[in-house]
Structure formats: C-alpha cells, structure tokens
PDB file of N, CA and C in Angstrom:
ATOM      1  N   MET A   1      14.846  15.059  29.756  1.00  0.00           N
ATOM      2  CA  MET A   1      14.528  15.498  28.433  1.00  0.00           C
ATOM      3  C   MET A   1      14.745  14.329  27.472  1.00  0.00           C
ATOM      4  N   THR A   2      13.824  14.155  26.539  1.00  0.00           N
ATOM      5  CA  THR A   2      13.944  13.044  25.590  1.00  0.00           C
ATOM      6  C   THR A   2      14.619  13.536  24.314  1.00  0.00           C
ATOM      7  N   GLN A   3      15.349  12.630  23.702  1.00  0.00           N
ATOM      8  CA  GLN A   3      16.019  12.946  22.451  1.00  0.00           C
ATOM      9  C   GLN A   3      15.230  12.343  21.304  1.00  0.00           C
ATOM     10  N   PRO A   4      15.281  12.979  20.143  1.00  0.00           N
ATOM     11  CA  PRO A   4      14.564  12.404  18.991  1.00  0.00           C
ATOM     12  C   PRO A   4      15.173  11.054  18.645  1.00  0.00           C
ATOM     13  N   PRO A   5      14.354  10.163  18.114  1.00  0.00           N
ATOM     14  CA  PRO A   5      14.875   8.842  17.759  1.00  0.00           C
ATOM     15  C   PRO A   5      15.972   8.971  16.705  1.00  0.00           C
ATOM     16  N   SER A   6      16.982   8.135  16.829  1.00  0.00           N
ATOM     17  CA  SER A   6      18.050   8.166  15.832  1.00  0.00           C
ATOM     18  C   SER A   6      17.623   7.358  14.615  1.00  0.00           C
ATOM     19  N   HIS A   7      18.159   7.726  13.488  1.00  0.00           N
ATOM     20  CA  HIS A   7      17.859   7.029  12.246  1.00  0.00           C
ATOM     21  C   HIS A   7      19.077   6.213  11.872  1.00  0.00           C
ATOM     22  N   PRO A   8      18.984   4.887  11.905  1.00  0.00           N
ATOM     23  CA  PRO A   8      20.151   4.066  11.612  1.00  0.00           C
ATOM     24  C   PRO A   8      20.743   4.315  10.233  1.00  0.00           C
ATOM     25  N   GLN A   9      19.905   4.671   9.242  1.00  0.00           N
ATOM     26  CA  GLN A   9      20.431   4.893   7.902  1.00  0.00           C
ATOM     27  C   GLN A   9      21.248   6.168   7.822  1.00  0.00           C
ATOM     28  N   ALA A  10      20.998   7.131   8.688  1.00  0.00           N
ATOM     29  CA  ALA A  10      21.719   8.394   8.638  1.00  0.00           C
ATOM     30  C   ALA A  10      23.211   8.184   8.838  1.00  0.00           C
ATOM     31  N   SER A  11      23.594   7.211   9.637  1.00  0.00           N
ATOM     32  CA  SER A  11      25.015   6.978   9.864  1.00  0.00           C
ATOM     33  C   SER A  11      25.697   6.363   8.641  1.00  0.00           C
ATOM     34  N   ASN A  12      24.924   5.831   7.706  1.00  0.00           N
ATOM     35  CA  ASN A  12      25.486   5.230   6.496  1.00  0.00           C
ATOM     36  C   ASN A  12      25.697   6.240   5.371  1.00  0.00           C
ATOM     37  N   LEU A  13      25.179   7.447   5.540  1.00  0.00           N
ATOM     38  CA  LEU A  13      25.291   8.457   4.504  1.00  0.00           C
ATOM     39  C   LEU A  13      26.652   9.134   4.567  1.00  0.00           C
ATOM     40  N   PRO A  14      27.230   9.473   3.407  1.00  0.00           N
ATOM     41  CA  PRO A  14      28.511  10.183   3.419  1.00  0.00           C
ATOM     42  C   PRO A  14      28.296  11.615   3.896  1.00  0.00           C
ATOM     43  N   PRO A  15      29.321  12.268   4.441  1.00  0.00           N
ATOM     44  CA  PRO A  15      29.190  13.684   4.795  1.00  0.00           C
ATOM     45  C   PRO A  15      28.801  14.487   3.566  1.00  0.00           C
ATOM     46  N   ALA A  16      28.218  15.667   3.770  1.00  0.00           N
ATOM     47  CA  ALA A  16      27.708  16.483   2.666  1.00  0.00           C
ATOM     48  C   ALA A  16      28.772  16.795   1.621  1.00  0.00           C
ATOM     49  N   ASP A  17      30.026  16.955   2.017  1.00  0.00           N
ATOM     50  CA  ASP A  17      31.064  17.288   1.052  1.00  0.00           C
ATOM     51  C   ASP A  17      31.739  16.051   0.464  1.00  0.00           C
ATOM     52  N   ASP A  18      31.297  14.886   0.872  1.00  0.00           N
ATOM     53  CA  ASP A  18      31.856  13.635   0.372  1.00  0.00           C
ATOM     54  C   ASP A  18      31.000  13.153  -0.797  1.00  0.00           C
ATOM     55  N   THR A  19      31.426  12.090  -1.449  1.00  0.00           N
ATOM     56  CA  THR A  19      30.681  11.562  -2.585  1.00  0.00           C
ATOM     57  C   THR A  19      30.839  10.050  -2.643  1.00  0.00           C
ATOM     58  N   LEU A  20      29.897   9.400  -3.263  1.00  0.00           N
ATOM     59  CA  LEU A  20      29.974   7.958  -3.458  1.00  0.00           C
ATOM     60  C   LEU A  20      30.713   7.610  -4.753  1.00  0.00           C
ATOM     61  N   ILE A  21      31.030   8.616  -5.542  1.00  0.00           N
ATOM     62  CA  ILE A  21      31.734   8.413  -6.801  1.00  0.00           C
ATOM     63  C   ILE A  21      33.221   8.258  -6.511  1.00  0.00           C
ATOM     64  N   GLU A  22      33.833   7.262  -7.131  1.00  0.00           N
ATOM     65  CA  GLU A  22      35.269   7.058  -6.975  1.00  0.00           C
ATOM     66  C   GLU A  22      35.986   7.717  -8.150  1.00  0.00           C
ATOM     67  N   PHE A  23      36.881   8.639  -7.829  1.00  0.00           N
ATOM     68  CA  PHE A  23      37.632   9.366  -8.849  1.00  0.00           C
ATOM     69  C   PHE A  23      39.036   8.802  -8.960  1.00  0.00           C
ATOM     70  N   PRO A  24      39.639   8.866 -10.133  1.00  0.00           N
ATOM     71  CA  PRO A  24      39.122   9.347 -11.411  1.00  0.00           C
ATOM     72  C   PRO A  24      38.154   8.342 -12.024  1.00  0.00           C
ATOM     73  N   CYS A  25      37.280   8.836 -12.898  1.00  0.00           N
ATOM     74  CA  CYS A  25      36.306   7.946 -13.532  1.00  0.00           C
ATOM     75  C   CYS A  25      35.728   8.564 -14.802  1.00  0.00           C
ATOM     76  N   GLN A  26      35.124   7.698 -15.607  1.00  0.00           N
ATOM     77  CA  GLN A  26      34.314   8.129 -16.751  1.00  0.00           C
ATOM     78  C   GLN A  26      32.930   8.412 -16.182  1.00  0.00           C
ATOM     79  N   PHE A  27      32.361   9.582 -16.469  1.00  0.00           N
ATOM     80  CA  PHE A  27      31.074   9.954 -15.887  1.00  0.00           C
ATOM     81  C   PHE A  27      30.162  10.502 -16.977  1.00  0.00           C
ATOM     82  N   PRO A  28      28.982   9.889 -17.167  1.00  0.00           N
ATOM     83  CA  PRO A  28      28.056  10.400 -18.188  1.00  0.00           C
ATOM     84  C   PRO A  28      27.230  11.567 -17.643  1.00  0.00           C
ATOM     85  N   ILE A  29      27.190  12.634 -18.401  1.00  0.00           N
ATOM     86  CA  ILE A  29      26.368  13.805 -18.059  1.00  0.00           C
ATOM     87  C   ILE A  29      25.348  13.971 -19.174  1.00  0.00           C
ATOM     88  N   LYS A  30      24.074  14.043 -18.806  1.00  0.00           N
ATOM     89  CA  LYS A  30      23.024  14.239 -19.798  1.00  0.00           C
ATOM     90  C   LYS A  30      22.655  15.726 -19.807  1.00  0.00           C
ATOM     91  N   VAL A  31      22.704  16.309 -21.007  1.00  0.00           N
ATOM     92  CA  VAL A  31      22.410  17.733 -21.182  1.00  0.00           C
ATOM     93  C   VAL A  31      21.257  17.843 -22.166  1.00  0.00           C
ATOM     94  N   MET A  32      20.192  18.564 -21.763  1.00  0.00           N
ATOM     95  CA  MET A  32      19.021  18.698 -22.630  1.00  0.00           C
ATOM     96  C   MET A  32      18.700  20.163 -22.892  1.00  0.00           C
ATOM     97  N   GLY A  33      18.288  20.429 -24.115  1.00  0.00           N
ATOM     98  CA  GLY A  33      17.906  21.782 -24.496  1.00  0.00           C
ATOM     99  C   GLY A  33      17.081  21.755 -25.763  1.00  0.00           C
ATOM    100  N   GLU A  34      16.571  22.935 -26.137  1.00  0.00           N
ATOM    101  CA  GLU A  34      15.818  23.021 -27.388  1.00  0.00           C
ATOM    102  C   GLU A  34      16.767  22.773 -28.550  1.00  0.00           C
ATOM    103  N   SER A  35      16.273  22.091 -29.560  1.00  0.00           N
ATOM    104  CA  SER A  35      17.109  21.774 -30.724  1.00  0.00           C
ATOM    105  C   SER A  35      17.588  23.061 -31.389  1.00  0.00           C
ATOM    106  N   HIS A  36      18.869  23.071 -31.727  1.00  0.00           N
ATOM    107  CA  HIS A  36      19.495  24.204 -32.404  1.00  0.00           C
ATOM    108  C   HIS A  36      20.714  23.650 -33.141  1.00  0.00           C
ATOM    109  N   PRO A  37      21.005  24.157 -34.326  1.00  0.00           N
ATOM    110  CA  PRO A  37      22.122  23.613 -35.105  1.00  0.00           C
ATOM    111  C   PRO A  37      23.467  23.647 -34.358  1.00  0.00           C
ATOM    112  N   GLN A  38      23.668  24.590 -33.455  1.00  0.00           N
ATOM    113  CA  GLN A  38      24.940  24.737 -32.750  1.00  0.00           C
ATOM    114  C   GLN A  38      24.928  24.161 -31.331  1.00  0.00           C
ATOM    115  N   PHE A  39      23.818  23.550 -30.913  1.00  0.00           N
ATOM    116  CA  PHE A  39      23.696  23.087 -29.524  1.00  0.00           C
ATOM    117  C   PHE A  39      24.835  22.151 -29.127  1.00  0.00           C
ATOM    118  N   SER A  40      25.052  21.117 -29.885  1.00  0.00           N
ATOM    119  CA  SER A  40      26.087  20.145 -29.567  1.00  0.00           C
ATOM    120  C   SER A  40      27.471  20.806 -29.541  1.00  0.00           C
ATOM    121  N   HIS A  41      27.767  21.605 -30.535  1.00  0.00           N
ATOM    122  CA  HIS A  41      29.056  22.291 -30.620  1.00  0.00           C
ATOM    123  C   HIS A  41      29.278  23.196 -29.397  1.00  0.00           C
ATOM    124  N   GLU A  42      28.255  23.932 -28.997  1.00  0.00           N
ATOM    125  CA  GLU A  42      28.376  24.837 -27.858  1.00  0.00           C
ATOM    126  C   GLU A  42      28.605  24.064 -26.554  1.00  0.00           C
ATOM    127  N   ILE A  43      27.928  22.941 -26.386  1.00  0.00           N
ATOM    128  CA  ILE A  43      28.089  22.141 -25.176  1.00  0.00           C
ATOM    129  C   ILE A  43      29.491  21.538 -25.129  1.00  0.00           C
ATOM    130  N   ILE A  44      29.984  21.081 -26.257  1.00  0.00           N
ATOM    131  CA  ILE A  44      31.355  20.552 -26.316  1.00  0.00           C
ATOM    132  C   ILE A  44      32.348  21.643 -25.911  1.00  0.00           C
ATOM    133  N   GLN A  45      32.144  22.853 -26.397  1.00  0.00           N
ATOM    134  CA  GLN A  45      33.037  23.963 -26.042  1.00  0.00           C
ATOM    135  C   GLN A  45      33.003  24.256 -24.539  1.00  0.00           C
ATOM    136  N   VAL A  46      31.830  24.196 -23.934  1.00  0.00           N
ATOM    137  CA  VAL A  46      31.721  24.434 -22.488  1.00  0.00           C
ATOM    138  C   VAL A  46      32.532  23.385 -21.736  1.00  0.00           C
ATOM    139  N   ILE A  47      32.370  22.130 -22.110  1.00  0.00           N
ATOM    140  CA  ILE A  47      33.090  21.055 -21.423  1.00  0.00           C
ATOM    141  C   ILE A  47      34.588  21.180 -21.667  1.00  0.00           C
ATOM    142  N   GLN A  48      34.986  21.601 -22.863  1.00  0.00           N
ATOM    143  CA  GLN A  48      36.410  21.742 -23.173  1.00  0.00           C
ATOM    144  C   GLN A  48      37.094  22.822 -22.341  1.00  0.00           C
ATOM    145  N   THR A  49      36.343  23.764 -21.792  1.00  0.00           N
ATOM    146  CA  THR A  49      36.972  24.752 -20.915  1.00  0.00           C
ATOM    147  C   THR A  49      37.511  24.081 -19.648  1.00  0.00           C
ATOM    148  N   HIS A  50      36.952  22.936 -19.294  1.00  0.00           N
ATOM    149  CA  HIS A  50      37.397  22.171 -18.120  1.00  0.00           C
ATOM    150  C   HIS A  50      38.256  20.973 -18.511  1.00  0.00           C
ATOM    151  N   LEU A  51      37.942  20.395 -19.671  1.00  0.00           N
ATOM    152  CA  LEU A  51      38.630  19.193 -20.160  1.00  0.00           C
ATOM    153  C   LEU A  51      39.003  19.412 -21.625  1.00  0.00           C
ATOM    154  N   PRO A  52      40.162  20.015 -21.887  1.00  0.00           N
ATOM    155  CA  PRO A  52      40.538  20.348 -23.268  1.00  0.00           C
ATOM    156  C   PRO A  52      40.529  19.171 -24.243  1.00  0.00           C
ATOM    157  N   ALA A  53      40.758  17.962 -23.774  1.00  0.00           N
ATOM    158  CA  ALA A  53      40.796  16.797 -24.672  1.00  0.00           C
ATOM    159  C   ALA A  53      39.400  16.256 -25.001  1.00  0.00           C
ATOM    160  N   PHE A  54      38.351  16.809 -24.398  1.00  0.00           N
ATOM    161  CA  PHE A  54      36.989  16.334 -24.662  1.00  0.00           C
ATOM    162  C   PHE A  54      36.623  16.645 -26.111  1.00  0.00           C
ATOM    163  N   GLY A  55      35.977  15.661 -26.781  1.00  0.00           N
ATOM    164  CA  GLY A  55      35.609  15.862 -28.180  1.00  0.00           C
ATOM    165  C   GLY A  55      34.259  15.280 -28.531  1.00  0.00           C
ATOM    166  N   ALA A  56      33.836  15.536 -29.758  1.00  0.00           N
ATOM    167  CA  ALA A  56      32.525  15.100 -30.245  1.00  0.00           C
ATOM    168  C   ALA A  56      32.365  13.584 -30.197  1.00  0.00           C
ATOM    169  N   HIS A  57      33.468  12.840 -30.285  1.00  0.00           N
ATOM    170  CA  HIS A  57      33.378  11.373 -30.249  1.00  0.00           C
ATOM    171  C   HIS A  57      32.898  10.859 -28.877  1.00  0.00           C
ATOM    172  N   LEU A  58      32.849  11.737 -27.885  1.00  0.00           N
ATOM    173  CA  LEU A  58      32.392  11.355 -26.539  1.00  0.00           C
ATOM    174  C   LEU A  58      30.965  11.820 -26.266  1.00  0.00           C
ATOM    175  N   VAL A  59      30.244  12.188 -27.331  1.00  0.00           N
ATOM    176  CA  VAL A  59      28.885  12.697 -27.197  1.00  0.00           C
ATOM    177  C   VAL A  59      27.912  11.821 -27.978  1.00  0.00           C
ATOM    178  N   GLU A  60      26.851  11.410 -27.314  1.00  0.00           N
ATOM    179  CA  GLU A  60      25.756  10.683 -27.972  1.00  0.00           C
ATOM    180  C   GLU A  60      24.574  11.644 -28.054  1.00  0.00           C
ATOM    181  N   THR A  61      24.020  11.802 -29.254  1.00  0.00           N
ATOM    182  CA  THR A  61      22.945  12.768 -29.484  1.00  0.00           C
ATOM    183  C   THR A  61      21.631  12.058 -29.773  1.00  0.00           C
ATOM    184  N   ARG A  62      20.568  12.573 -29.167  1.00  0.00           N
ATOM    185  CA  ARG A  62      19.210  12.062 -29.431  1.00  0.00           C
ATOM    186  C   ARG A  62      18.257  13.233 -29.549  1.00  0.00           C
ATOM    187  N   GLY A  63      17.379  13.146 -30.517  1.00  0.00           N
ATOM    188  CA  GLY A  63      16.336  14.152 -30.664  1.00  0.00           C
ATOM    189  C   GLY A  63      15.038  13.643 -30.066  1.00  0.00           C
ATOM    190  N   SER A  64      14.189  14.562 -29.647  1.00  0.00           N
ATOM    191  CA  SER A  64      12.880  14.157 -29.138  1.00  0.00           C
ATOM    192  C   SER A  64      12.007  13.702 -30.300  1.00  0.00           C
ATOM    193  N   ALA A  65      10.900  13.063 -29.990  1.00  0.00           N
ATOM    194  CA  ALA A  65      10.013  12.522 -31.027  1.00  0.00           C
ATOM    195  C   ALA A  65       9.532  13.607 -31.992  1.00  0.00           C
ATOM    196  N   ASN A  66       9.248  14.796 -31.474  1.00  0.00           N
ATOM    197  CA  ASN A  66       8.767  15.872 -32.349  1.00  0.00           C
ATOM    198  C   ASN A  66       9.894  16.778 -32.841  1.00  0.00           C
ATOM    199  N   GLY A  67      11.137  16.504 -32.404  1.00  0.00           N
ATOM    200  CA  GLY A  67      12.287  17.262 -32.863  1.00  0.00           C
ATOM    201  C   GLY A  67      12.511  18.590 -32.173  1.00  0.00           C
ATOM    202  N   LYS A  68      11.685  18.914 -31.184  1.00  0.00           N
ATOM    203  CA  LYS A  68      11.818  20.203 -30.507  1.00  0.00           C
ATOM    204  C   LYS A  68      13.028  20.246 -29.572  1.00  0.00           C
ATOM    205  N   TYR A  69      13.369  19.105 -28.969  1.00  0.00           N
ATOM    206  CA  TYR A  69      14.454  19.059 -27.986  1.00  0.00           C
ATOM    207  C   TYR A  69      15.560  18.102 -28.425  1.00  0.00           C
ATOM    208  N   THR A  70      16.763  18.377 -27.944  1.00  0.00           N
ATOM    209  CA  THR A  70      17.909  17.515 -28.175  1.00  0.00           C
ATOM    210  C   THR A  70      18.494  17.132 -26.827  1.00  0.00           C
ATOM    211  N   SER A  71      18.874  15.859 -26.721  1.00  0.00           N
ATOM    212  CA  SER A  71      19.509  15.340 -25.519  1.00  0.00           C
ATOM    213  C   SER A  71      20.911  14.869 -25.889  1.00  0.00           C
ATOM    214  N   LEU A  72      21.903  15.324 -25.123  1.00  0.00           N
ATOM    215  CA  LEU A  72      23.279  14.906 -25.338  1.00  0.00           C
ATOM    216  C   LEU A  72      23.748  14.124 -24.116  1.00  0.00           C
ATOM    217  N   THR A  73      24.331  12.972 -24.328  1.00  0.00           N
ATOM    218  CA  THR A  73      25.001  12.261 -23.245  1.00  0.00           C
ATOM    219  C   THR A  73      26.488  12.435 -23.483  1.00  0.00           C
ATOM    220  N   CYS A  74      27.114  13.192 -22.592  1.00  0.00           N
ATOM    221  CA  CYS A  74      28.531  13.527 -22.706  1.00  0.00           C
ATOM    222  C   CYS A  74      29.293  12.721 -21.659  1.00  0.00           C
ATOM    223  N   THR A  75      30.152  11.831 -22.099  1.00  0.00           N
ATOM    224  CA  THR A  75      30.923  11.013 -21.173  1.00  0.00           C
ATOM    225  C   THR A  75      32.264  11.691 -20.940  1.00  0.00           C
ATOM    226  N   VAL A  76      32.424  12.195 -19.714  1.00  0.00           N
ATOM    227  CA  VAL A  76      33.624  12.947 -19.357  1.00  0.00           C
ATOM    228  C   VAL A  76      34.516  12.116 -18.445  1.00  0.00           C
ATOM    229  N   TYR A  77      35.811  12.331 -18.536  1.00  0.00           N
ATOM    230  CA  TYR A  77      36.771  11.693 -17.641  1.00  0.00           C
ATOM    231  C   TYR A  77      37.159  12.748 -16.609  1.00  0.00           C
ATOM    232  N   VAL A  78      36.700  12.551 -15.382  1.00  0.00           N
ATOM    233  CA  VAL A  78      36.943  13.525 -14.322  1.00  0.00           C
ATOM    234  C   VAL A  78      37.830  12.929 -13.239  1.00  0.00           C
ATOM    235  N   THR A  79      38.600  13.796 -12.604  1.00  0.00           N
ATOM    236  CA  THR A  79      39.550  13.341 -11.597  1.00  0.00           C
ATOM    237  C   THR A  79      39.170  13.734 -10.173  1.00  0.00           C
ATOM    238  N   SER A  80      38.133  14.592 -10.021  1.00  0.00           N
ATOM    239  CA  SER A  80      37.743  15.016  -8.681  1.00  0.00           C
ATOM    240  C   SER A  80      36.311  15.538  -8.665  1.00  0.00           C
ATOM    241  N   LYS A  81      35.742  15.601  -7.475  1.00  0.00           N
ATOM    242  CA  LYS A  81      34.391  16.135  -7.314  1.00  0.00           C
ATOM    243  C   LYS A  81      34.339  17.627  -7.667  1.00  0.00           C
ATOM    244  N   PRO A  82      35.315  18.439  -7.230  1.00  0.00           N
ATOM    245  CA  PRO A  82      35.274  19.849  -7.634  1.00  0.00           C
ATOM    246  C   PRO A  82      35.304  20.047  -9.153  1.00  0.00           C
ATOM    247  N   GLN A  83      36.048  19.210  -9.850  1.00  0.00           N
ATOM    248  CA  GLN A  83      36.097  19.303 -11.307  1.00  0.00           C
ATOM    249  C   GLN A  83      34.727  18.969 -11.904  1.00  0.00           C
ATOM    250  N   LEU A  84      34.097  17.906 -11.425  1.00  0.00           N
ATOM    251  CA  LEU A  84      32.768  17.518 -11.910  1.00  0.00           C
ATOM    252  C   LEU A  84      31.747  18.604 -11.584  1.00  0.00           C
ATOM    253  N   ASP A  85      31.807  19.154 -10.378  1.00  0.00           N
ATOM    254  CA  ASP A  85      30.886  20.224  -9.977  1.00  0.00           C
ATOM    255  C   ASP A  85      31.049  21.452 -10.873  1.00  0.00           C
ATOM    256  N   ALA A  86      32.283  21.787 -11.217  1.00  0.00           N
ATOM    257  CA  ALA A  86      32.536  22.948 -12.069  1.00  0.00           C
ATOM    258  C   ALA A  86      31.941  22.741 -13.467  1.00  0.00           C
ATOM    259  N   ILE A  87      32.058  21.535 -13.995  1.00  0.00           N
ATOM    260  CA  ILE A  87      31.464  21.224 -15.308  1.00  0.00           C
ATOM    261  C   ILE A  87      29.947  21.368 -15.238  1.00  0.00           C
ATOM    262  N   TYR A  88      29.335  20.779 -14.202  1.00  0.00           N
ATOM    263  CA  TYR A  88      27.885  20.892 -14.036  1.00  0.00           C
ATOM    264  C   TYR A  88      27.459  22.353 -13.951  1.00  0.00           C
ATOM    265  N   HIS A  89      28.181  23.139 -13.181  1.00  0.00           N
ATOM    266  CA  HIS A  89      27.816  24.556 -13.036  1.00  0.00           C
ATOM    267  C   HIS A  89      27.880  25.274 -14.381  1.00  0.00           C
ATOM    268  N   SER A  90      28.960  25.070 -15.119  1.00  0.00           N
ATOM    269  CA  SER A  90      29.104  25.725 -16.417  1.00  0.00           C
ATOM    270  C   SER A  90      27.990  25.335 -17.385  1.00  0.00           C
ATOM    271  N   LEU A  91      27.585  24.080 -17.335  1.00  0.00           N
ATOM    272  CA  LEU A  91      26.502  23.629 -18.220  1.00  0.00           C
ATOM    273  C   LEU A  91      25.152  24.214 -17.799  1.00  0.00           C
ATOM    274  N   THR A  92      24.880  24.255 -16.511  1.00  0.00           N
ATOM    275  CA  THR A  92      23.567  24.729 -16.053  1.00  0.00           C
ATOM    276  C   THR A  92      23.351  26.217 -16.308  1.00  0.00           C
ATOM    277  N   VAL A  93      24.416  27.007 -16.400  1.00  0.00           N
ATOM    278  CA  VAL A  93      24.252  28.443 -16.651  1.00  0.00           C
ATOM    279  C   VAL A  93      24.249  28.782 -18.144  1.00  0.00           C
ATOM    280  N   HIS A  94      24.494  27.784 -19.001  1.00  0.00           N
ATOM    281  CA  HIS A  94      24.493  28.042 -20.448  1.00  0.00           C
ATOM    282  C   HIS A  94      23.057  28.361 -20.883  1.00  0.00           C
ATOM    283  N   PRO A  95      22.869  29.411 -21.697  1.00  0.00           N
ATOM    284  CA  PRO A  95      21.505  29.838 -22.060  1.00  0.00           C
ATOM    285  C   PRO A  95      20.686  28.825 -22.864  1.00  0.00           C
ATOM    286  N   ARG A  96      21.305  27.918 -23.596  1.00  0.00           N
ATOM    287  CA  ARG A  96      20.539  26.934 -24.373  1.00  0.00           C
ATOM    288  C   ARG A  96      20.176  25.685 -23.574  1.00  0.00           C
ATOM    289  N   VAL A  97      20.766  25.519 -22.409  1.00  0.00           N
ATOM    290  CA  VAL A  97      20.549  24.310 -21.612  1.00  0.00           C
ATOM    291  C   VAL A  97      19.301  24.448 -20.747  1.00  0.00           C
ATOM    292  N   LYS A  98      18.449  23.425 -20.819  1.00  0.00           N
ATOM    293  CA  LYS A  98      17.234  23.386 -19.993  1.00  0.00           C
ATOM    294  C   LYS A  98      17.438  22.515 -18.766  1.00  0.00           C
ATOM    295  N   VAL A  99      18.116  21.364 -18.932  1.00  0.00           N
ATOM    296  CA  VAL A  99      18.289  20.401 -17.834  1.00  0.00           C
ATOM    297  C   VAL A  99      19.663  19.748 -17.964  1.00  0.00           C
ATOM    298  N   VAL A 100      20.315  19.534 -16.801  1.00  0.00           N
ATOM    299  CA  VAL A 100      21.570  18.771 -16.756  1.00  0.00           C
ATOM    300  C   VAL A 100      21.387  17.691 -15.705  1.00  0.00           C
ATOM    301  N   LEU A 101      21.608  16.445 -16.093  1.00  0.00           N
ATOM    302  CA  LEU A 101      21.491  15.318 -15.163  1.00  0.00           C
ATOM    303  C   LEU A 101      22.812  14.578 -15.100  1.00  0.00           C
TER     304      LEU A 101
END
C-alpha cells in the first residue's frame, strides 16, 4: 500500500493549539463597524471587561472616505493566547462590529 506524499512544510507548522505569538506582548486588533457616535466607547468597554487598564489612549480611529464606516486599531497588552482569543470573541459578537482582524 502506498502512502500519500509527505509535505515538508507541514512539519514546520505549530500544533493547532499553539501560536507563533510570543506572550506577553502588545497586540494590535483592528475593529471595523458602521460609524456611530458610541462605537469607540462601546469597543473600549468590551476590551475593558478583559483588560481593565485599557483606555482610549490605546485606540487609533479612522473613518472611511464616505464616513459610513469606522476602523479602530486597539493595541492591547495580552499575556496569553486564551486571553487574546476571549477578547476577539467578545468583539466579534458585539452587534455594532462588522469585522475584527
């Protein structure tokens, strides 16, 4: 019986539960949604549920050319992959959020 060819790059990949990110670290998260006066404030509150010291000074805001969308780059200090995953999950389920990168 023949075996499928092995892929040399596959052995270089981390296990599924591993990560290439070294913790603790500063990590930028981009959050996009439709423009709303409270969008930035609401996103800061979501992140503060995981990182109480997170504040507006760690957020860079950009509007789209037509003003319909707002993009926030939130630089968070995370200590583990589960902590980062929890922040991402909380942001993705927020009703005003369209995309989290």
